[in-house]
Amino acid sequence: MISQETGTFAVSLLIAVSAVSLIYGAARDSRKRSVNPFLFVPIMLIGVVMNILESSPPVFILLGVAAFVLSFLRSSSYAYIISGFLMIIGAIIIASLSSYPIYGFEFFIISVIFLTGFRQTLFGIGDTKAIISIIFSFTGVNISLLRGIIGLNGLIANGVFILFYIVLASLVFLLAEFLYISSAFRKFGASGFRIPYSNEAESAAGIAFAKRKRASGEYLVYRVPFLIPVAAGFFLFIIFGSLFI
């Protein structure tokens, strides 16, 4: 069993590295609508150490690392979607082991997040990597800065709460963006997150919108920088922690 001081230092380091990576990634996503795919590797590396300190089952550590590595596959490939379903099977196997049900549950959440990256229909692949690395690394962490709790050896299904905070932050962010786009691009005929295509609208929209074509005509669609609410959800988790604490 590791000492309280060691656990506190390890968690503090993980929080610091995660915060820097997510803030930088969110800022870049906002400006460039792209994220360096290797940005979250440091979080995963510290996460491996954290899980070893926490005495997490080796199968969970190996599958967690595999999920992150496989997220570098081309997101529209058959290999990606097949890998995701194989991960779910792995999660069920882990959960069926009487000593490791919580780890199976956590890896199931990681597997679902992995699958949401398929063809980037919900999350961009950078967002997927960010969420996988956070859930994996914070599996054995007791954290709630609001209540002065920080340390290891408090295994809870943190993945549920991390996702809860990310979804909450995403809903607020999307509402704010919807109102902004409706107001700022009203003169171009903005409807929700879409704008009818025109040279003027494209010039005003810039990199924040992508051109799409359908039978009904061309339009511009908003490219949501989801790493912003992902980062916000992470900080909400750090502040409030698990509701089970």
C-alpha atoms as a PDB file:
ATOM      1  CA  MET A   1       0.000   0.000   0.000  1.00  0.00           C
ATOM      2  CA  ILE A   2       1.432   3.364  -0.996  1.00  0.00           C
ATOM      3  CA  SER A   3       1.693   6.231   1.454  1.00  0.00           C
ATOM      4  CA  GLN A   4      -0.819   9.063   1.535  1.00  0.00           C
ATOM      5  CA  GLU A   5       1.897  11.542   0.561  1.00  0.00           C
ATOM      6  CA  THR A   6       2.846   9.490  -2.503  1.00  0.00           C
ATOM      7  CA  GLY A   7      -0.771   9.146  -3.534  1.00  0.00           C
ATOM      8  CA  THR A   8      -1.437  12.851  -3.130  1.00  0.00           C
ATOM      9  CA  PHE A   9       1.650  13.770  -5.159  1.00  0.00           C
ATOM     10  CA  ALA A  10       0.732  11.320  -7.925  1.00  0.00           C
ATOM     11  CA  VAL A  11      -2.829  12.633  -8.172  1.00  0.00           C
ATOM     12  CA  SER A  12      -1.625  16.252  -8.138  1.00  0.00           C
ATOM     13  CA  LEU A  13       0.792  15.514 -10.982  1.00  0.00           C
ATOM     14  CA  LEU A  14      -1.966  13.786 -12.963  1.00  0.00           C
ATOM     15  CA  ILE A  15      -4.317  16.726 -12.461  1.00  0.00           C
ATOM     16  CA  ALA A  16      -1.633  19.227 -13.519  1.00  0.00           C
ATOM     17  CA  VAL A  17      -0.655  17.339 -16.681  1.00  0.00           C
ATOM     18  CA  SER A  18      -4.301  16.704 -17.604  1.00  0.00           C
ATOM     19  CA  ALA A  19      -5.219  20.356 -17.057  1.00  0.00           C
ATOM     20  CA  VAL A  20      -2.353  21.675 -19.191  1.00  0.00           C
ATOM     21  CA  SER A  21      -3.066  19.177 -21.995  1.00  0.00           C
ATOM     22  CA  LEU A  22      -6.792  19.908 -22.052  1.00  0.00           C
ATOM     23  CA  ILE A  23      -6.447  23.688 -21.854  1.00  0.00           C
ATOM     24  CA  TYR A  24      -3.889  23.706 -24.662  1.00  0.00           C
ATOM     25  CA  GLY A  25      -5.979  21.281 -26.705  1.00  0.00           C
ATOM     26  CA  ALA A  26      -9.184  23.274 -26.186  1.00  0.00           C
ATOM     27  CA  ALA A  27      -7.464  26.500 -27.214  1.00  0.00           C
ATOM     28  CA  ARG A  28      -6.058  24.880 -30.354  1.00  0.00           C
ATOM     29  CA  ASP A  29      -9.396  23.244 -31.171  1.00  0.00           C
ATOM     30  CA  SER A  30     -11.068  26.640 -30.900  1.00  0.00           C
ATOM     31  CA  ARG A  31      -8.528  28.349 -33.172  1.00  0.00           C
ATOM     32  CA  LYS A  32      -7.605  25.583 -35.616  1.00  0.00           C
ATOM     33  CA  ARG A  33     -10.427  23.026 -35.270  1.00  0.00           C
ATOM     34  CA  SER A  34      -7.742  20.370 -34.946  1.00  0.00           C
ATOM     35  CA  VAL A  35      -5.931  18.643 -32.096  1.00  0.00           C
ATOM     36  CA  ASN A  36      -2.477  17.047 -32.045  1.00  0.00           C
ATOM     37  CA  PRO A  37      -3.216  13.286 -31.796  1.00  0.00           C
ATOM     38  CA  PHE A  38      -0.279  12.789 -29.404  1.00  0.00           C
ATOM     39  CA  LEU A  39      -1.330  15.513 -26.984  1.00  0.00           C
ATOM     40  CA  PHE A  40      -2.885  13.099 -24.505  1.00  0.00           C
ATOM     41  CA  VAL A  41      -0.088  10.525 -24.470  1.00  0.00           C
ATOM     42  CA  PRO A  42       1.414  12.043 -21.258  1.00  0.00           C
ATOM     43  CA  ILE A  43      -1.939  11.606 -19.485  1.00  0.00           C
ATOM     44  CA  MET A  44      -2.010   7.949 -20.484  1.00  0.00           C
ATOM     45  CA  LEU A  45       1.582   7.377 -19.356  1.00  0.00           C
ATOM     46  CA  ILE A  46       0.865   8.845 -15.929  1.00  0.00           C
ATOM     47  CA  GLY A  47      -2.398   6.901 -15.919  1.00  0.00           C
ATOM     48  CA  VAL A  48      -0.498   3.645 -16.323  1.00  0.00           C
ATOM     49  CA  VAL A  49       1.648   4.543 -13.311  1.00  0.00           C
ATOM     50  CA  MET A  50      -1.459   5.527 -11.353  1.00  0.00           C
ATOM     51  CA  ASN A  51      -3.158   2.213 -12.091  1.00  0.00           C
ATOM     52  CA  ILE A  52      -0.028   0.310 -11.094  1.00  0.00           C
ATOM     53  CA  LEU A  53       0.123   2.243  -7.806  1.00  0.00           C
ATOM     54  CA  GLU A  54      -3.563   1.502  -7.330  1.00  0.00           C
ATOM     55  CA  SER A  55      -2.910  -2.232  -7.994  1.00  0.00           C
ATOM     56  CA  SER A  56      -5.442  -2.251 -10.822  1.00  0.00           C
ATOM     57  CA  PRO A  57      -5.711  -5.645 -12.547  1.00  0.00           C
ATOM     58  CA  PRO A  58      -3.112  -6.024 -15.325  1.00  0.00           C
ATOM     59  CA  VAL A  59      -5.820  -6.917 -17.846  1.00  0.00           C
ATOM     60  CA  PHE A  60      -7.497  -3.543 -17.248  1.00  0.00           C
ATOM     61  CA  ILE A  61      -4.203  -1.680 -17.712  1.00  0.00           C
ATOM     62  CA  LEU A  62      -3.361  -3.581 -20.893  1.00  0.00           C
ATOM     63  CA  LEU A  63      -6.812  -3.111 -22.411  1.00  0.00           C
ATOM     64  CA  GLY A  64      -6.864   0.570 -21.438  1.00  0.00           C
ATOM     65  CA  VAL A  65      -3.566   1.177 -23.200  1.00  0.00           C
ATOM     66  CA  ALA A  66      -4.775  -0.888 -26.175  1.00  0.00           C
ATOM     67  CA  ALA A  67      -7.932   1.239 -26.448  1.00  0.00           C
ATOM     68  CA  PHE A  68      -5.871   4.416 -26.573  1.00  0.00           C
ATOM     69  CA  VAL A  69      -3.385   3.005 -29.101  1.00  0.00           C
ATOM     70  CA  LEU A  70      -6.195   1.682 -31.326  1.00  0.00           C
ATOM     71  CA  SER A  71      -7.799   5.129 -31.334  1.00  0.00           C
ATOM     72  CA  PHE A  72      -5.000   6.083 -33.743  1.00  0.00           C
ATOM     73  CA  LEU A  73      -6.547   3.807 -36.371  1.00  0.00           C
ATOM     74  CA  ARG A  74      -8.363   5.472 -39.247  1.00  0.00           C
ATOM     75  CA  SER A  75     -11.725   6.213 -37.654  1.00  0.00           C
ATOM     76  CA  SER A  76     -13.737   5.206 -40.724  1.00  0.00           C
ATOM     77  CA  SER A  77     -12.040   1.815 -41.117  1.00  0.00           C
ATOM     78  CA  TYR A  78     -13.533  -1.594 -40.410  1.00  0.00           C
ATOM     79  CA  ALA A  79     -10.581  -2.257 -38.104  1.00  0.00           C
ATOM     80  CA  TYR A  80     -11.713   0.630 -35.902  1.00  0.00           C
ATOM     81  CA  ILE A  81     -15.331  -0.496 -35.518  1.00  0.00           C
ATOM     82  CA  ILE A  82     -14.335  -4.152 -35.019  1.00  0.00           C
ATOM     83  CA  SER A  83     -11.820  -3.110 -32.347  1.00  0.00           C
ATOM     84  CA  GLY A  84     -14.557  -1.222 -30.524  1.00  0.00           C
ATOM     85  CA  PHE A  85     -16.872  -4.223 -30.346  1.00  0.00           C
ATOM     86  CA  LEU A  86     -13.998  -6.483 -29.270  1.00  0.00           C
ATOM     87  CA  MET A  87     -13.339  -4.021 -26.441  1.00  0.00           C
ATOM     88  CA  ILE A  88     -16.923  -4.344 -25.270  1.00  0.00           C
ATOM     89  CA  ILE A  89     -16.492  -8.111 -25.158  1.00  0.00           C
ATOM     90  CA  GLY A  90     -13.305  -7.571 -23.145  1.00  0.00           C
ATOM     91  CA  ALA A  91     -15.212  -5.325 -20.744  1.00  0.00           C
ATOM     92  CA  ILE A  92     -17.833  -8.013 -20.203  1.00  0.00           C
ATOM     93  CA  ILE A  93     -15.115 -10.590 -19.536  1.00  0.00           C
ATOM     94  CA  ILE A  94     -13.432  -8.312 -16.972  1.00  0.00           C
ATOM     95  CA  ALA A  95     -16.763  -7.553 -15.306  1.00  0.00           C
ATOM     96  CA  SER A  96     -17.577 -11.263 -15.082  1.00  0.00           C
ATOM     97  CA  LEU A  97     -14.517 -11.828 -12.900  1.00  0.00           C
ATOM     98  CA  SER A  98     -15.813 -11.560  -9.354  1.00  0.00           C
ATOM     99  CA  SER A  99     -12.845  -9.498  -8.142  1.00  0.00           C
ATOM    100  CA  TYR A 100     -12.934  -6.924 -10.960  1.00  0.00           C
ATOM    101  CA  PRO A 101     -16.539  -5.918 -11.796  1.00  0.00           C
ATOM    102  CA  ILE A 102     -15.894  -2.198 -11.371  1.00  0.00           C
ATOM    103  CA  TYR A 103     -12.947  -2.338 -13.760  1.00  0.00           C
ATOM    104  CA  GLY A 104     -15.123  -4.086 -16.329  1.00  0.00           C
ATOM    105  CA  PHE A 105     -17.698  -1.342 -15.959  1.00  0.00           C
ATOM    106  CA  GLU A 106     -15.053   1.368 -16.388  1.00  0.00           C
ATOM    107  CA  PHE A 107     -13.625  -0.330 -19.464  1.00  0.00           C
ATOM    108  CA  PHE A 108     -17.133  -0.683 -20.898  1.00  0.00           C
ATOM    109  CA  ILE A 109     -17.476   3.106 -20.716  1.00  0.00           C
ATOM    110  CA  ILE A 110     -14.067   3.489 -22.385  1.00  0.00           C
ATOM    111  CA  SER A 111     -15.218   1.099 -25.129  1.00  0.00           C
ATOM    112  CA  VAL A 112     -18.403   3.091 -25.755  1.00  0.00           C
ATOM    113  CA  ILE A 113     -16.409   6.320 -25.981  1.00  0.00           C
ATOM    114  CA  PHE A 114     -14.054   4.599 -28.430  1.00  0.00           C
ATOM    115  CA  LEU A 115     -17.017   3.631 -30.614  1.00  0.00           C
ATOM    116  CA  THR A 116     -18.341   7.206 -30.647  1.00  0.00           C
ATOM    117  CA  GLY A 117     -15.174   8.118 -32.533  1.00  0.00           C
ATOM    118  CA  PHE A 118     -16.185   5.900 -35.481  1.00  0.00           C
ATOM    119  CA  ARG A 119     -16.270   8.166 -38.551  1.00  0.00           C
ATOM    120  CA  GLN A 120     -16.156  11.069 -36.079  1.00  0.00           C
ATOM    121  CA  THR A 121     -19.954  11.268 -36.184  1.00  0.00           C
ATOM    122  CA  LEU A 122     -20.268  12.359 -32.542  1.00  0.00           C
ATOM    123  CA  PHE A 123     -16.778  13.200 -31.254  1.00  0.00           C
ATOM    124  CA  GLY A 124     -13.658  14.078 -33.163  1.00  0.00           C
ATOM    125  CA  ILE A 125     -10.847  11.605 -32.724  1.00  0.00           C
ATOM    126  CA  GLY A 126      -8.948  14.074 -30.520  1.00  0.00           C
ATOM    127  CA  ASP A 127     -11.956  14.322 -28.199  1.00  0.00           C
ATOM    128  CA  THR A 128     -12.141  10.527 -28.060  1.00  0.00           C
ATOM    129  CA  LYS A 129      -8.478  10.240 -27.073  1.00  0.00           C
ATOM    130  CA  ALA A 130      -8.928  12.901 -24.404  1.00  0.00           C
ATOM    131  CA  ILE A 131     -11.913  11.196 -22.765  1.00  0.00           C
ATOM    132  CA  ILE A 132     -10.354   7.720 -22.910  1.00  0.00           C
ATOM    133  CA  SER A 133      -7.135   8.961 -21.296  1.00  0.00           C
ATOM    134  CA  ILE A 134      -8.987  10.793 -18.513  1.00  0.00           C
ATOM    135  CA  ILE A 135     -11.335   7.943 -17.612  1.00  0.00           C
ATOM    136  CA  PHE A 136      -8.497   5.424 -17.642  1.00  0.00           C
ATOM    137  CA  SER A 137      -6.156   7.582 -15.567  1.00  0.00           C
ATOM    138  CA  PHE A 138      -8.706   8.644 -12.937  1.00  0.00           C
ATOM    139  CA  THR A 139     -10.201   5.194 -12.354  1.00  0.00           C
ATOM    140  CA  GLY A 140      -8.657   4.775  -8.907  1.00  0.00           C
ATOM    141  CA  VAL A 141      -8.713   8.397  -7.825  1.00  0.00           C
ATOM    142  CA  ASN A 142     -10.703   9.975  -5.002  1.00  0.00           C
ATOM    143  CA  ILE A 143     -10.965  13.635  -5.918  1.00  0.00           C
ATOM    144  CA  SER A 144     -13.119  16.582  -4.933  1.00  0.00           C
ATOM    145  CA  LEU A 145     -11.243  19.825  -4.462  1.00  0.00           C
ATOM    146  CA  LEU A 146     -14.435  21.400  -3.140  1.00  0.00           C
ATOM    147  CA  ARG A 147     -14.413  18.968  -0.230  1.00  0.00           C
ATOM    148  CA  GLY A 148     -10.648  18.741   0.169  1.00  0.00           C
ATOM    149  CA  ILE A 149     -10.438  15.135  -1.042  1.00  0.00           C
ATOM    150  CA  ILE A 150      -7.426  14.144  -3.122  1.00  0.00           C
ATOM    151  CA  GLY A 151      -5.705  10.771  -3.190  1.00  0.00           C
ATOM    152  CA  LEU A 152      -5.697   7.192  -4.424  1.00  0.00           C
ATOM    153  CA  ASN A 153      -7.324   4.036  -3.074  1.00  0.00           C
ATOM    154  CA  GLY A 154     -10.842   5.311  -3.605  1.00  0.00           C
ATOM    155  CA  LEU A 155     -11.963   3.151  -6.522  1.00  0.00           C
ATOM    156  CA  ILE A 156     -15.289   4.429  -7.791  1.00  0.00           C
ATOM    157  CA  ALA A 157     -16.946   4.305 -11.207  1.00  0.00           C
ATOM    158  CA  ASN A 158     -15.494   7.700 -12.042  1.00  0.00           C
ATOM    159  CA  GLY A 159     -16.180   7.208 -15.757  1.00  0.00           C
ATOM    160  CA  VAL A 160     -19.891   7.769 -15.186  1.00  0.00           C
ATOM    161  CA  PHE A 161     -19.318  11.073 -13.440  1.00  0.00           C
ATOM    162  CA  ILE A 162     -16.663  12.250 -15.887  1.00  0.00           C
ATOM    163  CA  LEU A 163     -19.139  11.648 -18.708  1.00  0.00           C
ATOM    164  CA  PHE A 164     -21.932  13.312 -16.734  1.00  0.00           C
ATOM    165  CA  TYR A 165     -19.899  16.494 -16.314  1.00  0.00           C
ATOM    166  CA  ILE A 166     -18.779  16.451 -19.967  1.00  0.00           C
ATOM    167  CA  VAL A 167     -22.383  16.041 -21.165  1.00  0.00           C
ATOM    168  CA  LEU A 168     -23.529  18.830 -18.837  1.00  0.00           C
ATOM    169  CA  ALA A 169     -20.776  21.155 -20.081  1.00  0.00           C
ATOM    170  CA  SER A 170     -21.540  20.188 -23.698  1.00  0.00           C
ATOM    171  CA  LEU A 171     -25.228  21.066 -23.370  1.00  0.00           C
ATOM    172  CA  VAL A 172     -24.418  24.494 -21.935  1.00  0.00           C
ATOM    173  CA  PHE A 173     -21.726  25.060 -24.570  1.00  0.00           C
ATOM    174  CA  LEU A 174     -23.960  24.019 -27.477  1.00  0.00           C
ATOM    175  CA  LEU A 175     -26.770  26.270 -26.268  1.00  0.00           C
ATOM    176  CA  ALA A 176     -24.376  29.217 -26.020  1.00  0.00           C
ATOM    177  CA  GLU A 177     -22.973  28.492 -29.490  1.00  0.00           C
ATOM    178  CA  PHE A 178     -26.475  28.114 -30.947  1.00  0.00           C
ATOM    179  CA  LEU A 179     -27.496  31.514 -29.625  1.00  0.00           C
ATOM    180  CA  TYR A 180     -24.260  33.078 -30.847  1.00  0.00           C
ATOM    181  CA  ILE A 181     -24.521  31.652 -34.375  1.00  0.00           C
ATOM    182  CA  SER A 182     -28.201  32.564 -34.661  1.00  0.00           C
ATOM    183  CA  SER A 183     -27.347  36.151 -33.753  1.00  0.00           C
ATOM    184  CA  ALA A 184     -23.979  36.663 -35.452  1.00  0.00           C
ATOM    185  CA  PHE A 185     -24.945  35.011 -38.762  1.00  0.00           C
ATOM    186  CA  ARG A 186     -28.602  35.997 -38.913  1.00  0.00           C
ATOM    187  CA  LYS A 187     -28.043  38.148 -41.995  1.00  0.00           C
ATOM    188  CA  PHE A 188     -26.739  35.066 -43.830  1.00  0.00           C
ATOM    189  CA  GLY A 189     -29.879  33.066 -43.038  1.00  0.00           C
ATOM    190  CA  ALA A 190     -28.409  30.965 -40.229  1.00  0.00           C
ATOM    191  CA  SER A 191     -30.670  28.128 -39.083  1.00  0.00           C
ATOM    192  CA  GLY A 192     -29.369  26.342 -36.036  1.00  0.00           C
ATOM    193  CA  PHE A 193     -25.806  25.310 -36.744  1.00  0.00           C
ATOM    194  CA  ARG A 194     -26.182  25.665 -40.523  1.00  0.00           C
ATOM    195  CA  ILE A 195     -25.821  28.602 -42.880  1.00  0.00           C
ATOM    196  CA  PRO A 196     -26.866  28.606 -46.549  1.00  0.00           C
ATOM    197  CA  TYR A 197     -23.682  28.773 -48.593  1.00  0.00           C
ATOM    198  CA  SER A 198     -22.470  31.983 -50.114  1.00  0.00           C
ATOM    199  CA  ASN A 199     -19.031  33.457 -50.663  1.00  0.00           C
ATOM    200  CA  GLU A 200     -19.799  36.183 -48.144  1.00  0.00           C
ATOM    201  CA  ALA A 201     -20.986  33.700 -45.507  1.00  0.00           C
ATOM    202  CA  GLU A 202     -17.943  31.487 -46.034  1.00  0.00           C
ATOM    203  CA  SER A 203     -15.607  34.449 -45.663  1.00  0.00           C
ATOM    204  CA  ALA A 204     -17.321  35.564 -42.458  1.00  0.00           C
ATOM    205  CA  ALA A 205     -17.548  32.058 -40.994  1.00  0.00           C
ATOM    206  CA  GLY A 206     -13.906  31.145 -41.562  1.00  0.00           C
ATOM    207  CA  ILE A 207     -12.490  27.894 -40.239  1.00  0.00           C
ATOM    208  CA  ALA A 208     -15.320  27.473 -37.734  1.00  0.00           C
ATOM    209  CA  PHE A 209     -17.608  26.164 -40.484  1.00  0.00           C
ATOM    210  CA  ALA A 210     -17.198  23.464 -43.110  1.00  0.00           C
ATOM    211  CA  LYS A 211     -18.761  23.418 -46.567  1.00  0.00           C
ATOM    212  CA  ARG A 212     -21.189  20.591 -47.244  1.00  0.00           C
ATOM    213  CA  LYS A 213     -23.227  19.663 -50.310  1.00  0.00           C
ATOM    214  CA  ARG A 214     -26.572  17.897 -50.525  1.00  0.00           C
ATOM    215  CA  ALA A 215     -29.314  17.517 -53.093  1.00  0.00           C
ATOM    216  CA  SER A 216     -30.991  20.585 -51.649  1.00  0.00           C
ATOM    217  CA  GLY A 217     -27.868  22.673 -52.223  1.00  0.00           C
ATOM    218  CA  GLU A 218     -24.668  23.781 -50.521  1.00  0.00           C
ATOM    219  CA  TYR A 219     -24.447  24.967 -46.939  1.00  0.00           C
ATOM    220  CA  LEU A 220     -21.978  25.667 -44.162  1.00  0.00           C
ATOM    221  CA  VAL A 221     -22.112  23.536 -41.007  1.00  0.00           C
ATOM    222  CA  TYR A 222     -20.615  24.509 -37.679  1.00  0.00           C
ATOM    223  CA  ARG A 223     -17.559  22.502 -36.612  1.00  0.00           C
ATOM    224  CA  VAL A 224     -18.071  22.126 -32.879  1.00  0.00           C
ATOM    225  CA  PRO A 225     -14.785  22.385 -30.914  1.00  0.00           C
ATOM    226  CA  PHE A 226     -15.895  19.688 -28.496  1.00  0.00           C
ATOM    227  CA  LEU A 227     -12.615  19.700 -26.644  1.00  0.00           C
ATOM    228  CA  ILE A 228     -13.787  22.899 -24.933  1.00  0.00           C
ATOM    229  CA  PRO A 229     -16.707  21.217 -23.094  1.00  0.00           C
ATOM    230  CA  VAL A 230     -14.533  18.117 -22.558  1.00  0.00           C
ATOM    231  CA  ALA A 231     -12.022  20.322 -20.724  1.00  0.00           C
ATOM    232  CA  ALA A 232     -14.818  22.084 -18.840  1.00  0.00           C
ATOM    233  CA  GLY A 233     -16.307  18.725 -17.836  1.00  0.00           C
ATOM    234  CA  PHE A 234     -12.924  17.593 -16.575  1.00  0.00           C
ATOM    235  CA  PHE A 235     -12.597  20.643 -14.330  1.00  0.00           C
ATOM    236  CA  LEU A 236     -16.130  20.138 -13.008  1.00  0.00           C
ATOM    237  CA  PHE A 237     -15.149  16.577 -12.129  1.00  0.00           C
ATOM    238  CA  ILE A 238     -11.987  17.737 -10.382  1.00  0.00           C
ATOM    239  CA  ILE A 239     -13.913  20.334  -8.379  1.00  0.00           C
ATOM    240  CA  PHE A 240     -16.975  18.315  -7.436  1.00  0.00           C
ATOM    241  CA  GLY A 241     -15.708  14.740  -7.800  1.00  0.00           C
ATOM    242  CA  SER A 242     -17.870  11.651  -7.647  1.00  0.00           C
ATOM    243  CA  LEU A 243     -21.310  12.062  -6.172  1.00  0.00           C
ATOM    244  CA  PHE A 244     -20.694   8.795  -4.313  1.00  0.00           C
ATOM    245  CA  ILE A 245     -17.857  10.206  -2.208  1.00  0.00           C
END
